[in-house]
PDB file of N, CA and C in Angstrom:
ATOM      1  N   GLN A   1      -7.471  -2.906 -16.188  1.00  0.00           N
ATOM      2  CA  GLN A   1      -7.514  -4.344 -16.358  1.00  0.00           C
ATOM      3  C   GLN A   1      -7.342  -4.682 -17.839  1.00  0.00           C
ATOM      4  N   VAL A   2      -7.101  -5.946 -18.093  1.00  0.00           N
ATOM      5  CA  VAL A   2      -6.884  -6.397 -19.461  1.00  0.00           C
ATOM      6  C   VAL A   2      -8.222  -6.449 -20.194  1.00  0.00           C
ATOM      7  N   GLN A   3      -8.229  -5.879 -21.378  1.00  0.00           N
ATOM      8  CA  GLN A   3      -9.404  -5.956 -22.250  1.00  0.00           C
ATOM      9  C   GLN A   3      -8.973  -6.375 -23.636  1.00  0.00           C
ATOM     10  N   LEU A   4      -9.697  -7.336 -24.185  1.00  0.00           N
ATOM     11  CA  LEU A   4      -9.513  -7.780 -25.556  1.00  0.00           C
ATOM     12  C   LEU A   4     -10.872  -7.685 -26.231  1.00  0.00           C
ATOM     13  N   VAL A   5     -10.956  -6.900 -27.289  1.00  0.00           N
ATOM     14  CA  VAL A   5     -12.235  -6.668 -27.953  1.00  0.00           C
ATOM     15  C   VAL A   5     -12.120  -7.092 -29.403  1.00  0.00           C
ATOM     16  N   GLU A   6     -12.857  -8.141 -29.759  1.00  0.00           N
ATOM     17  CA  GLU A   6     -12.840  -8.653 -31.118  1.00  0.00           C
ATOM     18  C   GLU A   6     -13.905  -7.966 -31.973  1.00  0.00           C
ATOM     19  N   SER A   7     -13.641  -7.909 -33.260  1.00  0.00           N
ATOM     20  CA  SER A   7     -14.611  -7.402 -34.226  1.00  0.00           C
ATOM     21  C   SER A   7     -14.324  -8.038 -35.576  1.00  0.00           C
ATOM     22  N   GLY A   8     -15.288  -7.898 -36.487  1.00  0.00           N
ATOM     23  CA  GLY A   8     -15.078  -8.361 -37.847  1.00  0.00           C
ATOM     24  C   GLY A   8     -15.773  -9.647 -38.217  1.00  0.00           C
ATOM     25  N   GLY A   9     -16.436 -10.282 -37.263  1.00  0.00           N
ATOM     26  CA  GLY A   9     -17.164 -11.495 -37.592  1.00  0.00           C
ATOM     27  C   GLY A   9     -18.415 -11.200 -38.394  1.00  0.00           C
ATOM     28  N   GLY A  10     -19.045 -12.272 -38.853  1.00  0.00           N
ATOM     29  CA  GLY A  10     -20.273 -12.096 -39.624  1.00  0.00           C
ATOM     30  C   GLY A  10     -20.612 -13.323 -40.417  1.00  0.00           C
ATOM     31  N   LEU A  11     -21.543 -13.142 -41.345  1.00  0.00           N
ATOM     32  CA  LEU A  11     -21.994 -14.209 -42.228  1.00  0.00           C
ATOM     33  C   LEU A  11     -21.299 -14.062 -43.574  1.00  0.00           C
ATOM     34  N   VAL A  12     -20.714 -15.141 -44.052  1.00  0.00           N
ATOM     35  CA  VAL A  12     -20.013 -15.109 -45.335  1.00  0.00           C
ATOM     36  C   VAL A  12     -20.295 -16.411 -46.071  1.00  0.00           C
ATOM     37  N   GLN A  13     -20.307 -16.342 -47.394  1.00  0.00           N
ATOM     38  CA  GLN A  13     -20.528 -17.543 -48.195  1.00  0.00           C
ATOM     39  C   GLN A  13     -19.263 -18.388 -48.267  1.00  0.00           C
ATOM     40  N   PRO A  14     -19.415 -19.680 -48.484  1.00  0.00           N
ATOM     41  CA  PRO A  14     -18.224 -20.526 -48.672  1.00  0.00           C
ATOM     42  C   PRO A  14     -17.324 -19.966 -49.768  1.00  0.00           C
ATOM     43  N   GLY A  15     -16.025 -19.985 -49.497  1.00  0.00           N
ATOM     44  CA  GLY A  15     -15.057 -19.419 -50.423  1.00  0.00           C
ATOM     45  C   GLY A  15     -14.761 -17.954 -50.181  1.00  0.00           C
ATOM     46  N   GLY A  16     -15.531 -17.325 -49.320  1.00  0.00           N
ATOM     47  CA  GLY A  16     -15.345 -15.912 -49.041  1.00  0.00           C
ATOM     48  C   GLY A  16     -14.247 -15.644 -48.020  1.00  0.00           C
ATOM     49  N   SER A  17     -14.111 -14.371 -47.677  1.00  0.00           N
ATOM     50  CA  SER A  17     -13.059 -13.933 -46.769  1.00  0.00           C
ATOM     51  C   SER A  17     -13.630 -13.043 -45.671  1.00  0.00           C
ATOM     52  N   LEU A  18     -12.956 -13.072 -44.540  1.00  0.00           N
ATOM     53  CA  LEU A  18     -13.236 -12.163 -43.440  1.00  0.00           C
ATOM     54  C   LEU A  18     -11.926 -11.792 -42.770  1.00  0.00           C
ATOM     55  N   ARG A  19     -11.894 -10.607 -42.193  1.00  0.00           N
ATOM     56  CA  ARG A  19     -10.748 -10.188 -41.407  1.00  0.00           C
ATOM     57  C   ARG A  19     -11.213  -9.862 -40.002  1.00  0.00           C
ATOM     58  N   LEU A  20     -10.719 -10.629 -39.047  1.00  0.00           N
ATOM     59  CA  LEU A  20     -11.030 -10.377 -37.646  1.00  0.00           C
ATOM     60  C   LEU A  20      -9.973  -9.459 -37.045  1.00  0.00           C
ATOM     61  N   SER A  21     -10.415  -8.599 -36.145  1.00  0.00           N
ATOM     62  CA  SER A  21      -9.517  -7.693 -35.451  1.00  0.00           C
ATOM     63  C   SER A  21      -9.697  -7.849 -33.948  1.00  0.00           C
ATOM     64  N   CYS A  22      -8.626  -7.627 -33.228  1.00  0.00           N
ATOM     65  CA  CYS A  22      -8.675  -7.676 -31.765  1.00  0.00           C
ATOM     66  C   CYS A  22      -7.894  -6.484 -31.229  1.00  0.00           C
ATOM     67  N   ALA A  23      -8.587  -5.650 -30.476  1.00  0.00           N
ATOM     68  CA  ALA A  23      -7.958  -4.493 -29.846  1.00  0.00           C
ATOM     69  C   ALA A  23      -7.629  -4.845 -28.398  1.00  0.00           C
ATOM     70  N   ALA A  24      -6.370  -4.695 -28.042  1.00  0.00           N
ATOM     71  CA  ALA A  24      -5.910  -5.073 -26.710  1.00  0.00           C
ATOM     72  C   ALA A  24      -5.561  -3.846 -25.886  1.00  0.00           C
ATOM     73  N   SER A  25      -5.859  -3.921 -24.603  1.00  0.00           N
ATOM     74  CA  SER A  25      -5.460  -2.874 -23.671  1.00  0.00           C
ATOM     75  C   SER A  25      -5.192  -3.515 -22.314  1.00  0.00           C
ATOM     76  N   GLY A  26      -4.408  -2.801 -21.505  1.00  0.00           N
ATOM     77  CA  GLY A  26      -4.116  -3.298 -20.159  1.00  0.00           C
ATOM     78  C   GLY A  26      -2.973  -4.276 -20.083  1.00  0.00           C
ATOM     79  N   ILE A  27      -2.289  -4.513 -21.220  1.00  0.00           N
ATOM     80  CA  ILE A  27      -1.115  -5.378 -21.230  1.00  0.00           C
ATOM     81  C   ILE A  27       0.015  -4.674 -21.976  1.00  0.00           C
ATOM     82  N   LEU A  28       1.230  -5.138 -21.725  1.00  0.00           N
ATOM     83  CA  LEU A  28       2.352  -4.650 -22.509  1.00  0.00           C
ATOM     84  C   LEU A  28       2.327  -5.403 -23.827  1.00  0.00           C
ATOM     85  N   PHE A  29       1.593  -4.866 -24.770  1.00  0.00           N
ATOM     86  CA  PHE A  29       1.224  -5.608 -25.973  1.00  0.00           C
ATOM     87  C   PHE A  29       2.439  -6.078 -26.753  1.00  0.00           C
ATOM     88  N   SER A  30       3.413  -5.220 -26.919  1.00  0.00           N
ATOM     89  CA  SER A  30       4.554  -5.573 -27.771  1.00  0.00           C
ATOM     90  C   SER A  30       5.345  -6.756 -27.216  1.00  0.00           C
ATOM     91  N   MET A  31       5.172  -7.041 -25.952  1.00  0.00           N
ATOM     92  CA  MET A  31       5.901  -8.140 -25.314  1.00  0.00           C
ATOM     93  C   MET A  31       5.020  -9.361 -25.093  1.00  0.00           C
ATOM     94  N   SER A  32       3.803  -9.339 -25.646  1.00  0.00           N
ATOM     95  CA  SER A  32       2.819 -10.388 -25.365  1.00  0.00           C
ATOM     96  C   SER A  32       2.583 -11.268 -26.573  1.00  0.00           C
ATOM     97  N   GLY A  33       2.608 -12.572 -26.330  1.00  0.00           N
ATOM     98  CA  GLY A  33       2.138 -13.498 -27.347  1.00  0.00           C
ATOM     99  C   GLY A  33       0.629 -13.382 -27.472  1.00  0.00           C
ATOM    100  N   MET A  34       0.144 -13.431 -28.706  1.00  0.00           N
ATOM    101  CA  MET A  34      -1.284 -13.281 -28.972  1.00  0.00           C
ATOM    102  C   MET A  34      -1.769 -14.459 -29.814  1.00  0.00           C
ATOM    103  N   GLY A  35      -3.061 -14.717 -29.743  1.00  0.00           N
ATOM    104  CA  GLY A  35      -3.573 -15.826 -30.526  1.00  0.00           C
ATOM    105  C   GLY A  35      -5.054 -15.705 -30.816  1.00  0.00           C
ATOM    106  N   TRP A  36      -5.467 -16.504 -31.770  1.00  0.00           N
ATOM    107  CA  TRP A  36      -6.883 -16.667 -32.098  1.00  0.00           C
ATOM    108  C   TRP A  36      -7.259 -18.124 -31.871  1.00  0.00           C
ATOM    109  N   TYR A  37      -8.383 -18.307 -31.222  1.00  0.00           N
ATOM    110  CA  TYR A  37      -8.949 -19.623 -30.971  1.00  0.00           C
ATOM    111  C   TYR A  37     -10.395 -19.602 -31.441  1.00  0.00           C
ATOM    112  N   ARG A  38     -10.982 -20.772 -31.596  1.00  0.00           N
ATOM    113  CA  ARG A  38     -12.383 -20.826 -31.990  1.00  0.00           C
ATOM    114  C   ARG A  38     -13.086 -21.973 -31.284  1.00  0.00           C
ATOM    115  N   GLN A  39     -14.391 -21.814 -31.153  1.00  0.00           N
ATOM    116  CA  GLN A  39     -15.212 -22.851 -30.544  1.00  0.00           C
ATOM    117  C   GLN A  39     -16.501 -22.997 -31.329  1.00  0.00           C
ATOM    118  N   ALA A  40     -16.679 -24.159 -31.904  1.00  0.00           N
ATOM    119  CA  ALA A  40     -17.903 -24.474 -32.637  1.00  0.00           C
ATOM    120  C   ALA A  40     -18.907 -25.099 -31.667  1.00  0.00           C
ATOM    121  N   PRO A  41     -20.199 -25.045 -32.005  1.00  0.00           N
ATOM    122  CA  PRO A  41     -21.225 -25.618 -31.114  1.00  0.00           C
ATOM    123  C   PRO A  41     -20.939 -27.090 -30.821  1.00  0.00           C
ATOM    124  N   GLY A  42     -20.953 -27.427 -29.540  1.00  0.00           N
ATOM    125  CA  GLY A  42     -20.749 -28.801 -29.135  1.00  0.00           C
ATOM    126  C   GLY A  42     -19.313 -29.287 -29.163  1.00  0.00           C
ATOM    127  N   LYS A  43     -18.395 -28.365 -29.459  1.00  0.00           N
ATOM    128  CA  LYS A  43     -16.989 -28.753 -29.539  1.00  0.00           C
ATOM    129  C   LYS A  43     -16.154 -27.950 -28.556  1.00  0.00           C
ATOM    130  N   GLN A  44     -14.956 -28.450 -28.287  1.00  0.00           N
ATOM    131  CA  GLN A  44     -14.038 -27.733 -27.412  1.00  0.00           C
ATOM    132  C   GLN A  44     -13.396 -26.563 -28.153  1.00  0.00           C
ATOM    133  N   ARG A  45     -12.971 -25.579 -27.388  1.00  0.00           N
ATOM    134  CA  ARG A  45     -12.234 -24.462 -27.970  1.00  0.00           C
ATOM    135  C   ARG A  45     -10.901 -24.985 -28.502  1.00  0.00           C
ATOM    136  N   GLU A  46     -10.516 -24.509 -29.687  1.00  0.00           N
ATOM    137  CA  GLU A  46      -9.287 -24.988 -30.312  1.00  0.00           C
ATOM    138  C   GLU A  46      -8.460 -23.832 -30.847  1.00  0.00           C
ATOM    139  N   LEU A  47      -7.167 -24.094 -30.910  1.00  0.00           N
ATOM    140  CA  LEU A  47      -6.233 -23.120 -31.453  1.00  0.00           C
ATOM    141  C   LEU A  47      -6.472 -22.925 -32.946  1.00  0.00           C
ATOM    142  N   VAL A  48      -6.427 -21.678 -33.383  1.00  0.00           N
ATOM    143  CA  VAL A  48      -6.431 -21.371 -34.814  1.00  0.00           C
ATOM    144  C   VAL A  48      -5.040 -20.902 -35.246  1.00  0.00           C
ATOM    145  N   ALA A  49      -4.537 -19.873 -34.565  1.00  0.00           N
ATOM    146  CA  ALA A  49      -3.229 -19.323 -34.913  1.00  0.00           C
ATOM    147  C   ALA A  49      -2.686 -18.524 -33.739  1.00  0.00           C
ATOM    148  N   VAL A  50      -1.371 -18.503 -33.621  1.00  0.00           N
ATOM    149  CA  VAL A  50      -0.729 -17.697 -32.592  1.00  0.00           C
ATOM    150  C   VAL A  50       0.425 -16.918 -33.212  1.00  0.00           C
ATOM    151  N   ILE A  51       0.762 -15.823 -32.564  1.00  0.00           N
ATOM    152  CA  ILE A  51       1.901 -15.011 -33.002  1.00  0.00           C
ATOM    153  C   ILE A  51       2.641 -14.551 -31.762  1.00  0.00           C
ATOM    154  N   SER A  52       3.949 -14.757 -31.778  1.00  0.00           N
ATOM    155  CA  SER A  52       4.755 -14.388 -30.623  1.00  0.00           C
ATOM    156  C   SER A  52       5.019 -12.893 -30.621  1.00  0.00           C
ATOM    157  N   SER A  53       5.612 -12.422 -29.537  1.00  0.00           N
ATOM    158  CA  SER A  53       5.970 -11.006 -29.460  1.00  0.00           C
ATOM    159  C   SER A  53       6.958 -10.640 -30.556  1.00  0.00           C
ATOM    160  N   GLY A  54       7.725 -11.606 -31.004  1.00  0.00           N
ATOM    161  CA  GLY A  54       8.707 -11.362 -32.061  1.00  0.00           C
ATOM    162  C   GLY A  54       8.180 -11.604 -33.463  1.00  0.00           C
ATOM    163  N   GLY A  55       6.889 -11.949 -33.557  1.00  0.00           N
ATOM    164  CA  GLY A  55       6.273 -12.113 -34.872  1.00  0.00           C
ATOM    165  C   GLY A  55       6.321 -13.523 -35.438  1.00  0.00           C
ATOM    166  N   ILE A  56       6.763 -14.477 -34.636  1.00  0.00           N
ATOM    167  CA  ILE A  56       6.774 -15.865 -35.110  1.00  0.00           C
ATOM    168  C   ILE A  56       5.349 -16.400 -35.032  1.00  0.00           C
ATOM    169  N   THR A  57       4.916 -17.050 -36.100  1.00  0.00           N
ATOM    170  CA  THR A  57       3.540 -17.522 -36.186  1.00  0.00           C
ATOM    171  C   THR A  57       3.466 -19.041 -36.192  1.00  0.00           C
ATOM    172  N   ASN A  58       2.314 -19.528 -35.757  1.00  0.00           N
ATOM    173  CA  ASN A  58       2.040 -20.957 -35.796  1.00  0.00           C
ATOM    174  C   ASN A  58       0.553 -21.137 -36.043  1.00  0.00           C
ATOM    175  N   TYR A  59       0.217 -22.134 -36.863  1.00  0.00           N
ATOM    176  CA  TYR A  59      -1.172 -22.319 -37.280  1.00  0.00           C
ATOM    177  C   TYR A  59      -1.621 -23.753 -37.035  1.00  0.00           C
ATOM    178  N   ALA A  60      -2.914 -23.882 -36.754  1.00  0.00           N
ATOM    179  CA  ALA A  60      -3.520 -25.202 -36.774  1.00  0.00           C
ATOM    180  C   ALA A  60      -3.493 -25.713 -38.215  1.00  0.00           C
ATOM    181  N   ASP A  61      -3.455 -27.018 -38.362  1.00  0.00           N
ATOM    182  CA  ASP A  61      -3.430 -27.589 -39.710  1.00  0.00           C
ATOM    183  C   ASP A  61      -4.623 -27.105 -40.536  1.00  0.00           C
ATOM    184  N   SER A  62      -5.767 -26.935 -39.893  1.00  0.00           N
ATOM    185  CA  SER A  62      -6.976 -26.516 -40.604  1.00  0.00           C
ATOM    186  C   SER A  62      -6.875 -25.094 -41.127  1.00  0.00           C
ATOM    187  N   ALA A  63      -5.952 -24.310 -40.569  1.00  0.00           N
ATOM    188  CA  ALA A  63      -5.817 -22.904 -40.947  1.00  0.00           C
ATOM    189  C   ALA A  63      -4.666 -22.646 -41.909  1.00  0.00           C
ATOM    190  N   LYS A  64      -3.748 -23.574 -41.991  1.00  0.00           N
ATOM    191  CA  LYS A  64      -2.555 -23.360 -42.818  1.00  0.00           C
ATOM    192  C   LYS A  64      -2.928 -23.147 -44.275  1.00  0.00           C
ATOM    193  N   GLY A  65      -2.336 -22.118 -44.871  1.00  0.00           N
ATOM    194  CA  GLY A  65      -2.572 -21.817 -46.275  1.00  0.00           C
ATOM    195  C   GLY A  65      -3.813 -20.999 -46.547  1.00  0.00           C
ATOM    196  N   ARG A  66      -4.679 -20.842 -45.541  1.00  0.00           N
ATOM    197  CA  ARG A  66      -5.910 -20.065 -45.729  1.00  0.00           C
ATOM    198  C   ARG A  66      -5.990 -18.852 -44.811  1.00  0.00           C
ATOM    199  N   PHE A  67      -5.452 -18.994 -43.597  1.00  0.00           N
ATOM    200  CA  PHE A  67      -5.551 -17.923 -42.604  1.00  0.00           C
ATOM    201  C   PHE A  67      -4.174 -17.306 -42.373  1.00  0.00           C
ATOM    202  N   THR A  68      -4.160 -16.011 -42.055  1.00  0.00           N
ATOM    203  CA  THR A  68      -2.920 -15.319 -41.723  1.00  0.00           C
ATOM    204  C   THR A  68      -3.130 -14.477 -40.483  1.00  0.00           C
ATOM    205  N   ILE A  69      -2.294 -14.717 -39.478  1.00  0.00           N
ATOM    206  CA  ILE A  69      -2.333 -13.896 -38.262  1.00  0.00           C
ATOM    207  C   ILE A  69      -1.255 -12.834 -38.370  1.00  0.00           C
ATOM    208  N   SER A  70      -1.573 -11.638 -37.904  1.00  0.00           N
ATOM    209  CA  SER A  70      -0.600 -10.550 -37.929  1.00  0.00           C
ATOM    210  C   SER A  70      -0.860  -9.629 -36.742  1.00  0.00           C
ATOM    211  N   ARG A  71       0.096  -8.763 -36.484  1.00  0.00           N
ATOM    212  CA  ARG A  71      -0.042  -7.841 -35.357  1.00  0.00           C
ATOM    213  C   ARG A  71       0.506  -6.475 -35.717  1.00  0.00           C
ATOM    214  N   ASP A  72      -0.038  -5.454 -35.076  1.00  0.00           N
ATOM    215  CA  ASP A  72       0.438  -4.087 -35.230  1.00  0.00           C
ATOM    216  C   ASP A  72       0.719  -3.576 -33.824  1.00  0.00           C
ATOM    217  N   ASN A  73       1.969  -3.601 -33.434  1.00  0.00           N
ATOM    218  CA  ASN A  73       2.315  -3.209 -32.062  1.00  0.00           C
ATOM    219  C   ASN A  73       2.062  -1.728 -31.792  1.00  0.00           C
ATOM    220  N   ALA A  74       2.111  -0.917 -32.832  1.00  0.00           N
ATOM    221  CA  ALA A  74       1.861   0.519 -32.648  1.00  0.00           C
ATOM    222  C   ALA A  74       0.400   0.788 -32.292  1.00  0.00           C
ATOM    223  N   LYS A  75      -0.477  -0.107 -32.728  1.00  0.00           N
ATOM    224  CA  LYS A  75      -1.910   0.075 -32.484  1.00  0.00           C
ATOM    225  C   LYS A  75      -2.473  -0.894 -31.453  1.00  0.00           C
ATOM    226  N   ASN A  76      -1.634  -1.754 -30.905  1.00  0.00           N
ATOM    227  CA  ASN A  76      -2.098  -2.793 -29.969  1.00  0.00           C
ATOM    228  C   ASN A  76      -3.209  -3.642 -30.579  1.00  0.00           C
ATOM    229  N   MET A  77      -2.987  -4.058 -31.821  1.00  0.00           N
ATOM    230  CA  MET A  77      -3.995  -4.819 -32.562  1.00  0.00           C
ATOM    231  C   MET A  77      -3.397  -6.131 -33.057  1.00  0.00           C
ATOM    232  N   VAL A  78      -4.244  -7.143 -33.078  1.00  0.00           N
ATOM    233  CA  VAL A  78      -3.900  -8.403 -33.725  1.00  0.00           C
ATOM    234  C   VAL A  78      -5.045  -8.745 -34.686  1.00  0.00           C
ATOM    235  N   TYR A  79      -4.675  -9.321 -35.827  1.00  0.00           N
ATOM    236  CA  TYR A  79      -5.635  -9.577 -36.891  1.00  0.00           C
ATOM    237  C   TYR A  79      -5.597 -11.052 -37.294  1.00  0.00           C
ATOM    238  N   LEU A  80      -6.719 -11.491 -37.859  1.00  0.00           N
ATOM    239  CA  LEU A  80      -6.773 -12.807 -38.479  1.00  0.00           C
ATOM    240  C   LEU A  80      -7.463 -12.651 -39.824  1.00  0.00           C
ATOM    241  N   GLN A  81      -6.681 -12.755 -40.882  1.00  0.00           N
ATOM    242  CA  GLN A  81      -7.220 -12.735 -42.234  1.00  0.00           C
ATOM    243  C   GLN A  81      -7.601 -14.160 -42.609  1.00  0.00           C
ATOM    244  N   MET A  82      -8.865 -14.360 -42.923  1.00  0.00           N
ATOM    245  CA  MET A  82      -9.368 -15.691 -43.244  1.00  0.00           C
ATOM    246  C   MET A  82      -9.869 -15.711 -44.673  1.00  0.00           C
ATOM    247  N   ASN A  83      -9.264 -16.541 -45.493  1.00  0.00           N
ATOM    248  CA  ASN A  83      -9.641 -16.685 -46.904  1.00  0.00           C
ATOM    249  C   ASN A  83     -10.138 -18.103 -47.160  1.00  0.00           C
ATOM    250  N   SER A  84     -10.798 -18.265 -48.280  1.00  0.00           N
ATOM    251  CA  SER A  84     -11.311 -19.589 -48.689  1.00  0.00           C
ATOM    252  C   SER A  84     -12.076 -20.255 -47.540  1.00  0.00           C
ATOM    253  N   LEU A  85     -12.965 -19.511 -46.968  1.00  0.00           N
ATOM    254  CA  LEU A  85     -13.693 -20.007 -45.799  1.00  0.00           C
ATOM    255  C   LEU A  85     -14.600 -21.173 -46.163  1.00  0.00           C
ATOM    256  N   LYS A  86     -14.727 -22.087 -45.218  1.00  0.00           N
ATOM    257  CA  LYS A  86     -15.526 -23.296 -45.384  1.00  0.00           C
ATOM    258  C   LYS A  86     -16.607 -23.335 -44.299  1.00  0.00           C
ATOM    259  N   PRO A  87     -17.688 -24.059 -44.547  1.00  0.00           N
ATOM    260  CA  PRO A  87     -18.731 -24.171 -43.511  1.00  0.00           C
ATOM    261  C   PRO A  87     -18.178 -24.672 -42.167  1.00  0.00           C
ATOM    262  N   GLU A  88     -17.163 -25.513 -42.209  1.00  0.00           N
ATOM    263  CA  GLU A  88     -16.598 -26.031 -40.962  1.00  0.00           C
ATOM    264  C   GLU A  88     -15.779 -24.998 -40.200  1.00  0.00           C
ATOM    265  N   ASP A  89     -15.578 -23.826 -40.782  1.00  0.00           N
ATOM    266  CA  ASP A  89     -14.927 -22.729 -40.052  1.00  0.00           C
ATOM    267  C   ASP A  89     -15.922 -21.970 -39.175  1.00  0.00           C
ATOM    268  N   THR A  90     -17.192 -22.305 -39.286  1.00  0.00           N
ATOM    269  CA  THR A  90     -18.213 -21.653 -38.475  1.00  0.00           C
ATOM    270  C   THR A  90     -17.951 -21.889 -36.998  1.00  0.00           C
ATOM    271  N   ALA A  91     -17.844 -20.809 -36.235  1.00  0.00           N
ATOM    272  CA  ALA A  91     -17.521 -20.896 -34.813  1.00  0.00           C
ATOM    273  C   ALA A  91     -17.521 -19.492 -34.220  1.00  0.00           C
ATOM    274  N   VAL A  92     -17.424 -19.444 -32.905  1.00  0.00           N
ATOM    275  CA  VAL A  92     -17.107 -18.190 -32.229  1.00  0.00           C
ATOM    276  C   VAL A  92     -15.587 -18.107 -32.135  1.00  0.00           C
ATOM    277  N   TYR A  93     -15.052 -17.004 -32.595  1.00  0.00           N
ATOM    278  CA  TYR A  93     -13.600 -16.808 -32.612  1.00  0.00           C
ATOM    279  C   TYR A  93     -13.204 -15.886 -31.459  1.00  0.00           C
ATOM    280  N   TYR A  94     -12.211 -16.335 -30.710  1.00  0.00           N
ATOM    281  CA  TYR A  94     -11.758 -15.623 -29.518  1.00  0.00           C
ATOM    282  C   TYR A  94     -10.319 -15.158 -29.672  1.00  0.00           C
ATOM    283  N   CYS A  95     -10.081 -13.947 -29.222  1.00  0.00           N
ATOM    284  CA  CYS A  95      -8.727 -13.417 -29.125  1.00  0.00           C
ATOM    285  C   CYS A  95      -8.153 -13.803 -27.764  1.00  0.00           C
ATOM    286  N   ASN A  96      -6.876 -14.142 -27.764  1.00  0.00           N
ATOM    287  CA  ASN A  96      -6.209 -14.530 -26.526  1.00  0.00           C
ATOM    288  C   ASN A  96      -4.901 -13.776 -26.380  1.00  0.00           C
ATOM    289  N   ALA A  97      -4.593 -13.405 -25.151  1.00  0.00           N
ATOM    290  CA  ALA A  97      -3.325 -12.746 -24.852  1.00  0.00           C
ATOM    291  C   ALA A  97      -2.586 -13.530 -23.773  1.00  0.00           C
ATOM    292  N   LYS A  98      -1.341 -13.837 -24.053  1.00  0.00           N
ATOM    293  CA  LYS A  98      -0.445 -14.435 -23.053  1.00  0.00           C
ATOM    294  C   LYS A  98      -0.962 -15.774 -22.549  1.00  0.00           C
ATOM    295  N   LEU A  99      -1.770 -16.454 -23.337  1.00  0.00           N
ATOM    296  CA  LEU A  99      -2.345 -17.752 -22.954  1.00  0.00           C
ATOM    297  C   LEU A  99      -3.143 -17.637 -21.660  1.00  0.00           C
ATOM    298  N   ARG A 100      -3.643 -16.451 -21.392  1.00  0.00           N
ATOM    299  CA  ARG A 100      -4.251 -16.203 -20.090  1.00  0.00           C
ATOM    300  C   ARG A 100      -5.530 -15.376 -20.182  1.00  0.00           C
ATOM    301  N   PHE A 101      -5.565 -14.400 -21.065  1.00  0.00           N
ATOM    302  CA  PHE A 101      -6.688 -13.481 -21.125  1.00  0.00           C
ATOM    303  C   PHE A 101      -7.491 -13.713 -22.405  1.00  0.00           C
ATOM    304  N   TRP A 102      -8.819 -13.579 -22.292  1.00  0.00           N
ATOM    305  CA  TRP A 102      -9.701 -13.854 -23.409  1.00  0.00           C
ATOM    306  C   TRP A 102     -10.623 -12.678 -23.704  1.00  0.00           C
ATOM    307  N   GLY A 103     -10.941 -12.517 -24.978  1.00  0.00           N
ATOM    308  CA  GLY A 103     -11.981 -11.596 -25.373  1.00  0.00           C
ATOM    309  C   GLY A 103     -13.345 -12.259 -25.267  1.00  0.00           C
ATOM    310  N   GLN A 104     -14.374 -11.516 -25.660  1.00  0.00           N
ATOM    311  CA  GLN A 104     -15.742 -12.012 -25.540  1.00  0.00           C
ATOM    312  C   GLN A 104     -16.152 -12.870 -26.729  1.00  0.00           C
ATOM    313  N   GLY A 105     -15.382 -12.812 -27.798  1.00  0.00           N
ATOM    314  CA  GLY A 105     -15.650 -13.627 -28.969  1.00  0.00           C
ATOM    315  C   GLY A 105     -16.453 -12.898 -30.032  1.00  0.00           C
ATOM    316  N   THR A 106     -16.263 -13.348 -31.266  1.00  0.00           N
ATOM    317  CA  THR A 106     -17.035 -12.823 -32.392  1.00  0.00           C
ATOM    318  C   THR A 106     -17.472 -14.008 -33.251  1.00  0.00           C
ATOM    319  N   GLN A 107     -18.729 -13.988 -33.664  1.00  0.00           N
ATOM    320  CA  GLN A 107     -19.303 -15.114 -34.394  1.00  0.00           C
ATOM    321  C   GLN A 107     -18.923 -15.050 -35.863  1.00  0.00           C
ATOM    322  N   VAL A 108     -18.448 -16.157 -36.381  1.00  0.00           N
ATOM    323  CA  VAL A 108     -18.204 -16.316 -37.812  1.00  0.00           C
ATOM    324  C   VAL A 108     -19.094 -17.451 -38.306  1.00  0.00           C
ATOM    325  N   THR A 109     -19.912 -17.148 -39.296  1.00  0.00           N
ATOM    326  CA  THR A 109     -20.801 -18.147 -39.879  1.00  0.00           C
ATOM    327  C   THR A 109     -20.535 -18.235 -41.373  1.00  0.00           C
ATOM    328  N   VAL A 110     -20.198 -19.427 -41.833  1.00  0.00           N
ATOM    329  CA  VAL A 110     -19.921 -19.651 -43.249  1.00  0.00           C
ATOM    330  C   VAL A 110     -21.048 -20.519 -43.798  1.00  0.00           C
ATOM    331  N   SER A 111     -21.862 -19.916 -44.626  1.00  0.00           N
ATOM    332  CA  SER A 111     -23.039 -20.613 -45.121  1.00  0.00           C
ATOM    333  C   SER A 111     -23.537 -19.958 -46.398  1.00  0.00           C
ATOM    334  N   SER A 112     -24.105 -20.777 -47.274  1.00  0.00           N
ATOM    335  CA  SER A 112     -24.704 -20.235 -48.479  1.00  0.00           C
ATOM    336  C   SER A 112     -26.197 -19.988 -48.262  1.00  0.00           C
TER     337      SER A 112
END
């Protein structure tokens, strides 16, 4: 079955950086669009960034210029490099595959 396992979340101070990783299995990864979404308390889940099977990327306005999504097809991994983090980036971050499958999420907390 499809498994998406996120890692790399944690507590970071404003202005800091984190790199999230998502290990995928059970899908033809190289042919799958992948994405990162987030959900803050009391809010709906929202798109952060997506990357197509061909490496084309798209970002939410809130992520542009600060976050970078990338993929390693040889390792079945997708990453989210997050820089210049702000308190409003605090959320559970979810990996998504093919707009259909979800990971369990990893908590990111930005606080001093």
